[in-house]
Amino acid sequence: VLSAAVLVHLALAGDLPVTRPLGWFVSAH
């Protein structure tokens, strides 16, 4: 659930400095 929420937040928040690292982390996860 937390991973899903992070992905949705990243998608809706736009290009943030943490988007790429968090996106890669969740993907690797």
PDB file of all heavy atoms in Angstrom:
ATOM      1  N   VAL A   1       0.834  -1.208   0.000  1.00  0.00           N
ATOM      2  CA  VAL A   1       0.000   0.000   0.000  1.00  0.00           C
ATOM      3  C   VAL A   1       0.868   1.258   0.000  1.00  0.00           C
ATOM      4  O   VAL A   1       0.596   2.202  -0.755  1.00  0.00           O
ATOM      5  CB  VAL A   1      -0.980  -0.012   1.195  1.00  0.00           C
ATOM      6  CG1 VAL A   1      -1.683   1.322   1.339  1.00  0.00           C
ATOM      7  CG2 VAL A   1      -2.001  -1.134   1.030  1.00  0.00           C
ATOM      8  N   LEU A   2       1.908   1.283   0.823  1.00  0.00           N
ATOM      9  CA  LEU A   2       2.778   2.460   0.858  1.00  0.00           C
ATOM     10  C   LEU A   2       3.496   2.664  -0.479  1.00  0.00           C
ATOM     11  O   LEU A   2       3.634   3.802  -0.948  1.00  0.00           O
ATOM     12  CB  LEU A   2       3.801   2.348   1.990  1.00  0.00           C
ATOM     13  CG  LEU A   2       3.246   2.527   3.401  1.00  0.00           C
ATOM     14  CD1 LEU A   2       4.350   2.297   4.434  1.00  0.00           C
ATOM     15  CD2 LEU A   2       2.619   3.885   3.573  1.00  0.00           C
ATOM     16  N   SER A   3       3.946   1.588  -1.091  1.00  0.00           N
ATOM     17  CA  SER A   3       4.607   1.695  -2.397  1.00  0.00           C
ATOM     18  C   SER A   3       3.650   2.237  -3.451  1.00  0.00           C
ATOM     19  O   SER A   3       4.021   3.088  -4.266  1.00  0.00           O
ATOM     20  CB  SER A   3       5.145   0.331  -2.843  1.00  0.00           C
ATOM     21  OG  SER A   3       6.155  -0.104  -1.979  1.00  0.00           O
ATOM     22  N   ALA A   4       2.419   1.752  -3.427  1.00  0.00           N
ATOM     23  CA  ALA A   4       1.411   2.255  -4.374  1.00  0.00           C
ATOM     24  C   ALA A   4       1.160   3.738  -4.150  1.00  0.00           C
ATOM     25  O   ALA A   4       1.093   4.526  -5.105  1.00  0.00           O
ATOM     26  CB  ALA A   4       0.114   1.457  -4.229  1.00  0.00           C
ATOM     27  N   ALA A   5       1.037   4.135  -2.893  1.00  0.00           N
ATOM     28  CA  ALA A   5       0.803   5.551  -2.575  1.00  0.00           C
ATOM     29  C   ALA A   5       1.968   6.422  -3.028  1.00  0.00           C
ATOM     30  O   ALA A   5       1.761   7.520  -3.564  1.00  0.00           O
ATOM     31  CB  ALA A   5       0.554   5.711  -1.078  1.00  0.00           C
ATOM     32  N   VAL A   6       3.189   5.944  -2.839  1.00  0.00           N
ATOM     33  CA  VAL A   6       4.371   6.699  -3.280  1.00  0.00           C
ATOM     34  C   VAL A   6       4.346   6.868  -4.793  1.00  0.00           C
ATOM     35  O   VAL A   6       4.599   7.963  -5.307  1.00  0.00           O
ATOM     36  CB  VAL A   6       5.673   6.008  -2.814  1.00  0.00           C
ATOM     37  CG1 VAL A   6       6.883   6.539  -3.563  1.00  0.00           C
ATOM     38  CG2 VAL A   6       5.858   6.184  -1.329  1.00  0.00           C
ATOM     39  N   LEU A   7       4.039   5.809  -5.519  1.00  0.00           N
ATOM     40  CA  LEU A   7       4.007   5.897  -6.982  1.00  0.00           C
ATOM     41  C   LEU A   7       2.944   6.886  -7.453  1.00  0.00           C
ATOM     42  O   LEU A   7       3.201   7.702  -8.358  1.00  0.00           O
ATOM     43  CB  LEU A   7       3.780   4.516  -7.593  1.00  0.00           C
ATOM     44  CG  LEU A   7       4.953   3.547  -7.491  1.00  0.00           C
ATOM     45  CD1 LEU A   7       4.531   2.138  -7.869  1.00  0.00           C
ATOM     46  CD2 LEU A   7       6.122   4.018  -8.353  1.00  0.00           C
ATOM     47  N   VAL A   8       1.765   6.837  -6.871  1.00  0.00           N
ATOM     48  CA  VAL A   8       0.704   7.772  -7.256  1.00  0.00           C
ATOM     49  C   VAL A   8       1.116   9.203  -6.911  1.00  0.00           C
ATOM     50  O   VAL A   8       0.935  10.133  -7.712  1.00  0.00           O
ATOM     51  CB  VAL A   8      -0.641   7.391  -6.601  1.00  0.00           C
ATOM     52  CG1 VAL A   8      -1.673   8.491  -6.775  1.00  0.00           C
ATOM     53  CG2 VAL A   8      -1.166   6.080  -7.180  1.00  0.00           C
ATOM     54  N   HIS A   9       1.674   9.393  -5.729  1.00  0.00           N
ATOM     55  CA  HIS A   9       2.123  10.730  -5.333  1.00  0.00           C
ATOM     56  C   HIS A   9       3.184  11.262  -6.301  1.00  0.00           C
ATOM     57  O   HIS A   9       3.117  12.424  -6.730  1.00  0.00           O
ATOM     58  CB  HIS A   9       2.675  10.720  -3.907  1.00  0.00           C
ATOM     59  CG  HIS A   9       3.268  12.020  -3.501  1.00  0.00           C
ATOM     60  ND1 HIS A   9       2.505  13.130  -3.214  1.00  0.00           N
ATOM     61  CD2 HIS A   9       4.563  12.418  -3.382  1.00  0.00           C
ATOM     62  CE1 HIS A   9       3.301  14.141  -2.924  1.00  0.00           C
ATOM     63  NE2 HIS A   9       4.553  13.732  -3.012  1.00  0.00           N
ATOM     64  N   LEU A  10       4.150  10.432  -6.636  1.00  0.00           N
ATOM     65  CA  LEU A  10       5.192  10.857  -7.576  1.00  0.00           C
ATOM     66  C   LEU A  10       4.596  11.214  -8.935  1.00  0.00           C
ATOM     67  O   LEU A  10       5.022  12.180  -9.576  1.00  0.00           O
ATOM     68  CB  LEU A  10       6.251   9.774  -7.743  1.00  0.00           C
ATOM     69  CG  LEU A  10       7.157   9.506  -6.544  1.00  0.00           C
ATOM     70  CD1 LEU A  10       8.076   8.320  -6.828  1.00  0.00           C
ATOM     71  CD2 LEU A  10       7.969  10.744  -6.181  1.00  0.00           C
ATOM     72  N   ALA A  11       3.610  10.447  -9.369  1.00  0.00           N
ATOM     73  CA  ALA A  11       2.983  10.701 -10.663  1.00  0.00           C
ATOM     74  C   ALA A  11       2.246  12.035 -10.668  1.00  0.00           C
ATOM     75  O   ALA A  11       2.304  12.777 -11.652  1.00  0.00           O
ATOM     76  CB  ALA A  11       2.011   9.571 -10.995  1.00  0.00           C
ATOM     77  N   LEU A  12       1.564  12.348  -9.576  1.00  0.00           N
ATOM     78  CA  LEU A  12       0.744  13.555  -9.524  1.00  0.00           C
ATOM     79  C   LEU A  12       1.526  14.800  -9.112  1.00  0.00           C
ATOM     80  O   LEU A  12       1.109  15.922  -9.417  1.00  0.00           O
ATOM     81  CB  LEU A  12      -0.427  13.341  -8.557  1.00  0.00           C
ATOM     82  CG  LEU A  12      -1.397  12.207  -8.942  1.00  0.00           C
ATOM     83  CD1 LEU A  12      -2.463  12.043  -7.881  1.00  0.00           C
ATOM     84  CD2 LEU A  12      -2.008  12.458 -10.317  1.00  0.00           C
ATOM     85  N   ALA A  13       2.647  14.624  -8.433  1.00  0.00           N
ATOM     86  CA  ALA A  13       3.401  15.765  -7.914  1.00  0.00           C
ATOM     87  C   ALA A  13       4.252  16.451  -8.971  1.00  0.00           C
ATOM     88  O   ALA A  13       4.751  17.543  -8.739  1.00  0.00           O
ATOM     89  CB  ALA A  13       4.286  15.318  -6.752  1.00  0.00           C
ATOM     90  N   GLY A  14       4.442  15.828 -10.087  1.00  0.00           N
ATOM     91  CA  GLY A  14       5.302  16.428 -11.107  1.00  0.00           C
ATOM     92  C   GLY A  14       6.747  16.018 -10.898  1.00  0.00           C
ATOM     93  O   GLY A  14       7.050  15.091 -10.153  1.00  0.00           O
ATOM     94  N   ASP A  15       7.627  16.739 -11.547  1.00  0.00           N
ATOM     95  CA  ASP A  15       9.044  16.384 -11.515  1.00  0.00           C
ATOM     96  C   ASP A  15       9.695  16.940 -10.248  1.00  0.00           C
ATOM     97  O   ASP A  15      10.053  18.108 -10.178  1.00  0.00           O
ATOM     98  CB  ASP A  15       9.738  16.926 -12.767  1.00  0.00           C
ATOM     99  CG  ASP A  15      11.127  16.358 -12.943  1.00  0.00           C
ATOM    100  OD1 ASP A  15      11.379  15.248 -12.419  1.00  0.00           O
ATOM    101  OD2 ASP A  15      11.945  17.012 -13.600  1.00  0.00           O
ATOM    102  N   LEU A  16       9.837  16.098  -9.252  1.00  0.00           N
ATOM    103  CA  LEU A  16      10.484  16.461  -7.996  1.00  0.00           C
ATOM    104  C   LEU A  16      11.912  15.921  -7.989  1.00  0.00           C
ATOM    105  O   LEU A  16      12.215  14.963  -8.700  1.00  0.00           O
ATOM    106  CB  LEU A  16       9.722  15.861  -6.810  1.00  0.00           C
ATOM    107  CG  LEU A  16       8.253  16.258  -6.647  1.00  0.00           C
ATOM    108  CD1 LEU A  16       7.613  15.437  -5.538  1.00  0.00           C
ATOM    109  CD2 LEU A  16       8.148  17.735  -6.356  1.00  0.00           C
ATOM    110  N   PRO A  17      12.782  16.470  -7.155  1.00  0.00           N
ATOM    111  CA  PRO A  17      14.153  15.938  -7.078  1.00  0.00           C
ATOM    112  C   PRO A  17      14.193  14.465  -6.636  1.00  0.00           C
ATOM    113  O   PRO A  17      15.143  13.754  -6.960  1.00  0.00           O
ATOM    114  CB  PRO A  17      14.840  16.827  -6.038  1.00  0.00           C
ATOM    115  CG  PRO A  17      14.014  18.056  -5.951  1.00  0.00           C
ATOM    116  CD  PRO A  17      12.618  17.675  -6.347  1.00  0.00           C
ATOM    117  N   VAL A  18      13.171  14.021  -5.924  1.00  0.00           N
ATOM    118  CA  VAL A  18      13.167  12.644  -5.422  1.00  0.00           C
ATOM    119  C   VAL A  18      12.461  11.670  -6.368  1.00  0.00           C
ATOM    120  O   VAL A  18      12.455  10.467  -6.106  1.00  0.00           O
ATOM    121  CB  VAL A  18      12.502  12.555  -4.028  1.00  0.00           C
ATOM    122  CG1 VAL A  18      13.285  13.336  -3.010  1.00  0.00           C
ATOM    123  CG2 VAL A  18      11.056  12.995  -4.089  1.00  0.00           C
ATOM    124  N   THR A  19      11.875  12.170  -7.445  1.00  0.00           N
ATOM    125  CA  THR A  19      11.084  11.296  -8.317  1.00  0.00           C
ATOM    126  C   THR A  19      11.908  10.147  -8.872  1.00  0.00           C
ATOM    127  O   THR A  19      11.501   8.984  -8.773  1.00  0.00           O
ATOM    128  CB  THR A  19      10.452  12.103  -9.472  1.00  0.00           C
ATOM    129  OG1 THR A  19       9.579  13.088  -8.913  1.00  0.00           O
ATOM    130  CG2 THR A  19       9.656  11.199 -10.399  1.00  0.00           C
ATOM    131  N   ARG A  20      13.053  10.447  -9.454  1.00  0.00           N
ATOM    132  CA  ARG A  20      13.867   9.379 -10.057  1.00  0.00           C
ATOM    133  C   ARG A  20      14.383   8.388  -9.017  1.00  0.00           C
ATOM    134  O   ARG A  20      14.189   7.178  -9.176  1.00  0.00           O
ATOM    135  CB  ARG A  20      15.002   9.967 -10.887  1.00  0.00           C
ATOM    136  CG  ARG A  20      14.490  10.637 -12.161  1.00  0.00           C
ATOM    137  CD  ARG A  20      15.619  11.228 -12.983  1.00  0.00           C
ATOM    138  NE  ARG A  20      16.567  10.227 -13.450  1.00  0.00           N
ATOM    139  CZ  ARG A  20      16.435   9.526 -14.582  1.00  0.00           C
ATOM    140  NH1 ARG A  20      15.402   9.733 -15.358  1.00  0.00           N
ATOM    141  NH2 ARG A  20      17.356   8.654 -14.932  1.00  0.00           N
ATOM    142  N   PRO A  21      15.015   8.835  -7.928  1.00  0.00           N
ATOM    143  CA  PRO A  21      15.509   7.846  -6.961  1.00  0.00           C
ATOM    144  C   PRO A  21      14.388   7.001  -6.338  1.00  0.00           C
ATOM    145  O   PRO A  21      14.530   5.791  -6.203  1.00  0.00           O
ATOM    146  CB  PRO A  21      16.215   8.676  -5.889  1.00  0.00           C
ATOM    147  CG  PRO A  21      16.413  10.029  -6.462  1.00  0.00           C
ATOM    148  CD  PRO A  21      15.438  10.195  -7.575  1.00  0.00           C
ATOM    149  N   LEU A  22      13.284   7.641  -5.962  1.00  0.00           N
ATOM    150  CA  LEU A  22      12.185   6.875  -5.366  1.00  0.00           C
ATOM    151  C   LEU A  22      11.535   5.953  -6.389  1.00  0.00           C
ATOM    152  O   LEU A  22      11.165   4.816  -6.066  1.00  0.00           O
ATOM    153  CB  LEU A  22      11.135   7.809  -4.771  1.00  0.00           C
ATOM    154  CG  LEU A  22      11.350   8.235  -3.345  1.00  0.00           C
ATOM    155  CD1 LEU A  22      10.291   9.224  -2.897  1.00  0.00           C
ATOM    156  CD2 LEU A  22      11.381   7.041  -2.421  1.00  0.00           C
ATOM    157  N   GLY A  23      11.379   6.446  -7.609  1.00  0.00           N
ATOM    158  CA  GLY A  23      10.809   5.608  -8.665  1.00  0.00           C
ATOM    159  C   GLY A  23      11.658   4.368  -8.927  1.00  0.00           C
ATOM    160  O   GLY A  23      11.144   3.260  -9.044  1.00  0.00           O
ATOM    161  N   TRP A  24      12.981   4.571  -8.998  1.00  0.00           N
ATOM    162  CA  TRP A  24      13.886   3.426  -9.196  1.00  0.00           C
ATOM    163  C   TRP A  24      13.853   2.485  -7.998  1.00  0.00           C
ATOM    164  O   TRP A  24      13.906   1.261  -8.149  1.00  0.00           O
ATOM    165  CB  TRP A  24      15.314   3.882  -9.473  1.00  0.00           C
ATOM    166  CG  TRP A  24      15.512   4.365 -10.875  1.00  0.00           C
ATOM    167  CD1 TRP A  24      15.852   5.620 -11.260  1.00  0.00           C
ATOM    168  CD2 TRP A  24      15.362   3.610 -12.082  1.00  0.00           C
ATOM    169  NE1 TRP A  24      15.925   5.689 -12.629  1.00  0.00           N
ATOM    170  CE2 TRP A  24      15.642   4.480 -13.164  1.00  0.00           C
ATOM    171  CE3 TRP A  24      15.017   2.287 -12.362  1.00  0.00           C
ATOM    172  CZ2 TRP A  24      15.579   4.066 -14.494  1.00  0.00           C
ATOM    173  CZ3 TRP A  24      14.967   1.875 -13.679  1.00  0.00           C
ATOM    174  CH2 TRP A  24      15.247   2.755 -14.730  1.00  0.00           C
ATOM    175  N   PHE A  25      13.769   3.051  -6.801  1.00  0.00           N
ATOM    176  CA  PHE A  25      13.717   2.213  -5.598  1.00  0.00           C
ATOM    177  C   PHE A  25      12.472   1.332  -5.598  1.00  0.00           C
ATOM    178  O   PHE A  25      12.559   0.125  -5.362  1.00  0.00           O
ATOM    179  CB  PHE A  25      13.759   3.074  -4.334  1.00  0.00           C
ATOM    180  CG  PHE A  25      13.589   2.260  -3.074  1.00  0.00           C
ATOM    181  CD1 PHE A  25      14.648   1.540  -2.567  1.00  0.00           C
ATOM    182  CD2 PHE A  25      12.373   2.206  -2.429  1.00  0.00           C
ATOM    183  CE1 PHE A  25      14.498   0.766  -1.426  1.00  0.00           C
ATOM    184  CE2 PHE A  25      12.204   1.438  -1.286  1.00  0.00           C
ATOM    185  CZ  PHE A  25      13.270   0.728  -0.782  1.00  0.00           C
ATOM    186  N   VAL A  26      11.318   1.930  -5.849  1.00  0.00           N
ATOM    187  CA  VAL A  26      10.077   1.139  -5.853  1.00  0.00           C
ATOM    188  C   VAL A  26      10.110   0.120  -6.984  1.00  0.00           C
ATOM    189  O   VAL A  26       9.684  -1.025  -6.816  1.00  0.00           O
ATOM    190  CB  VAL A  26       8.835   2.050  -5.930  1.00  0.00           C
ATOM    191  CG1 VAL A  26       7.558   1.233  -6.073  1.00  0.00           C
ATOM    192  CG2 VAL A  26       8.748   2.948  -4.698  1.00  0.00           C
ATOM    193  N   SER A  27      10.639   0.516  -8.129  1.00  0.00           N
ATOM    194  CA  SER A  27      10.761  -0.422  -9.242  1.00  0.00           C
ATOM    195  C   SER A  27      11.651  -1.611  -8.869  1.00  0.00           C
ATOM    196  O   SER A  27      11.295  -2.769  -9.097  1.00  0.00           O
ATOM    197  CB  SER A  27      11.329   0.299 -10.458  1.00  0.00           C
ATOM    198  OG  SER A  27      11.487  -0.595 -11.520  1.00  0.00           O
ATOM    199  N   ALA A  28      12.804  -1.323  -8.286  1.00  0.00           N
ATOM    200  CA  ALA A  28      13.716  -2.394  -7.866  1.00  0.00           C
ATOM    201  C   ALA A  28      13.079  -3.272  -6.803  1.00  0.00           C
ATOM    202  O   ALA A  28      13.270  -4.499  -6.789  1.00  0.00           O
ATOM    203  CB  ALA A  28      15.015  -1.792  -7.331  1.00  0.00           C
ATOM    204  N   HIS A  29      12.324  -2.662  -5.963  1.00  0.00           N
ATOM    205  CA  HIS A  29      11.609  -3.350  -4.894  1.00  0.00           C
ATOM    206  C   HIS A  29      10.643  -4.402  -5.470  1.00  0.00           C
ATOM    207  O   HIS A  29      10.653  -5.564  -5.064  1.00  0.00           O
ATOM    208  CB  HIS A  29      10.852  -2.246  -4.148  1.00  0.00           C
ATOM    209  CG  HIS A  29      10.249  -2.583  -2.877  1.00  0.00           C
ATOM    210  ND1 HIS A  29      10.961  -2.667  -1.721  1.00  0.00           N
ATOM    211  CD2 HIS A  29       8.965  -2.837  -2.563  1.00  0.00           C
ATOM    212  CE1 HIS A  29      10.142  -2.947  -0.744  1.00  0.00           C
ATOM    213  NE2 HIS A  29       8.930  -3.063  -1.224  1.00  0.00           N
TER     214      HIS A  29
END
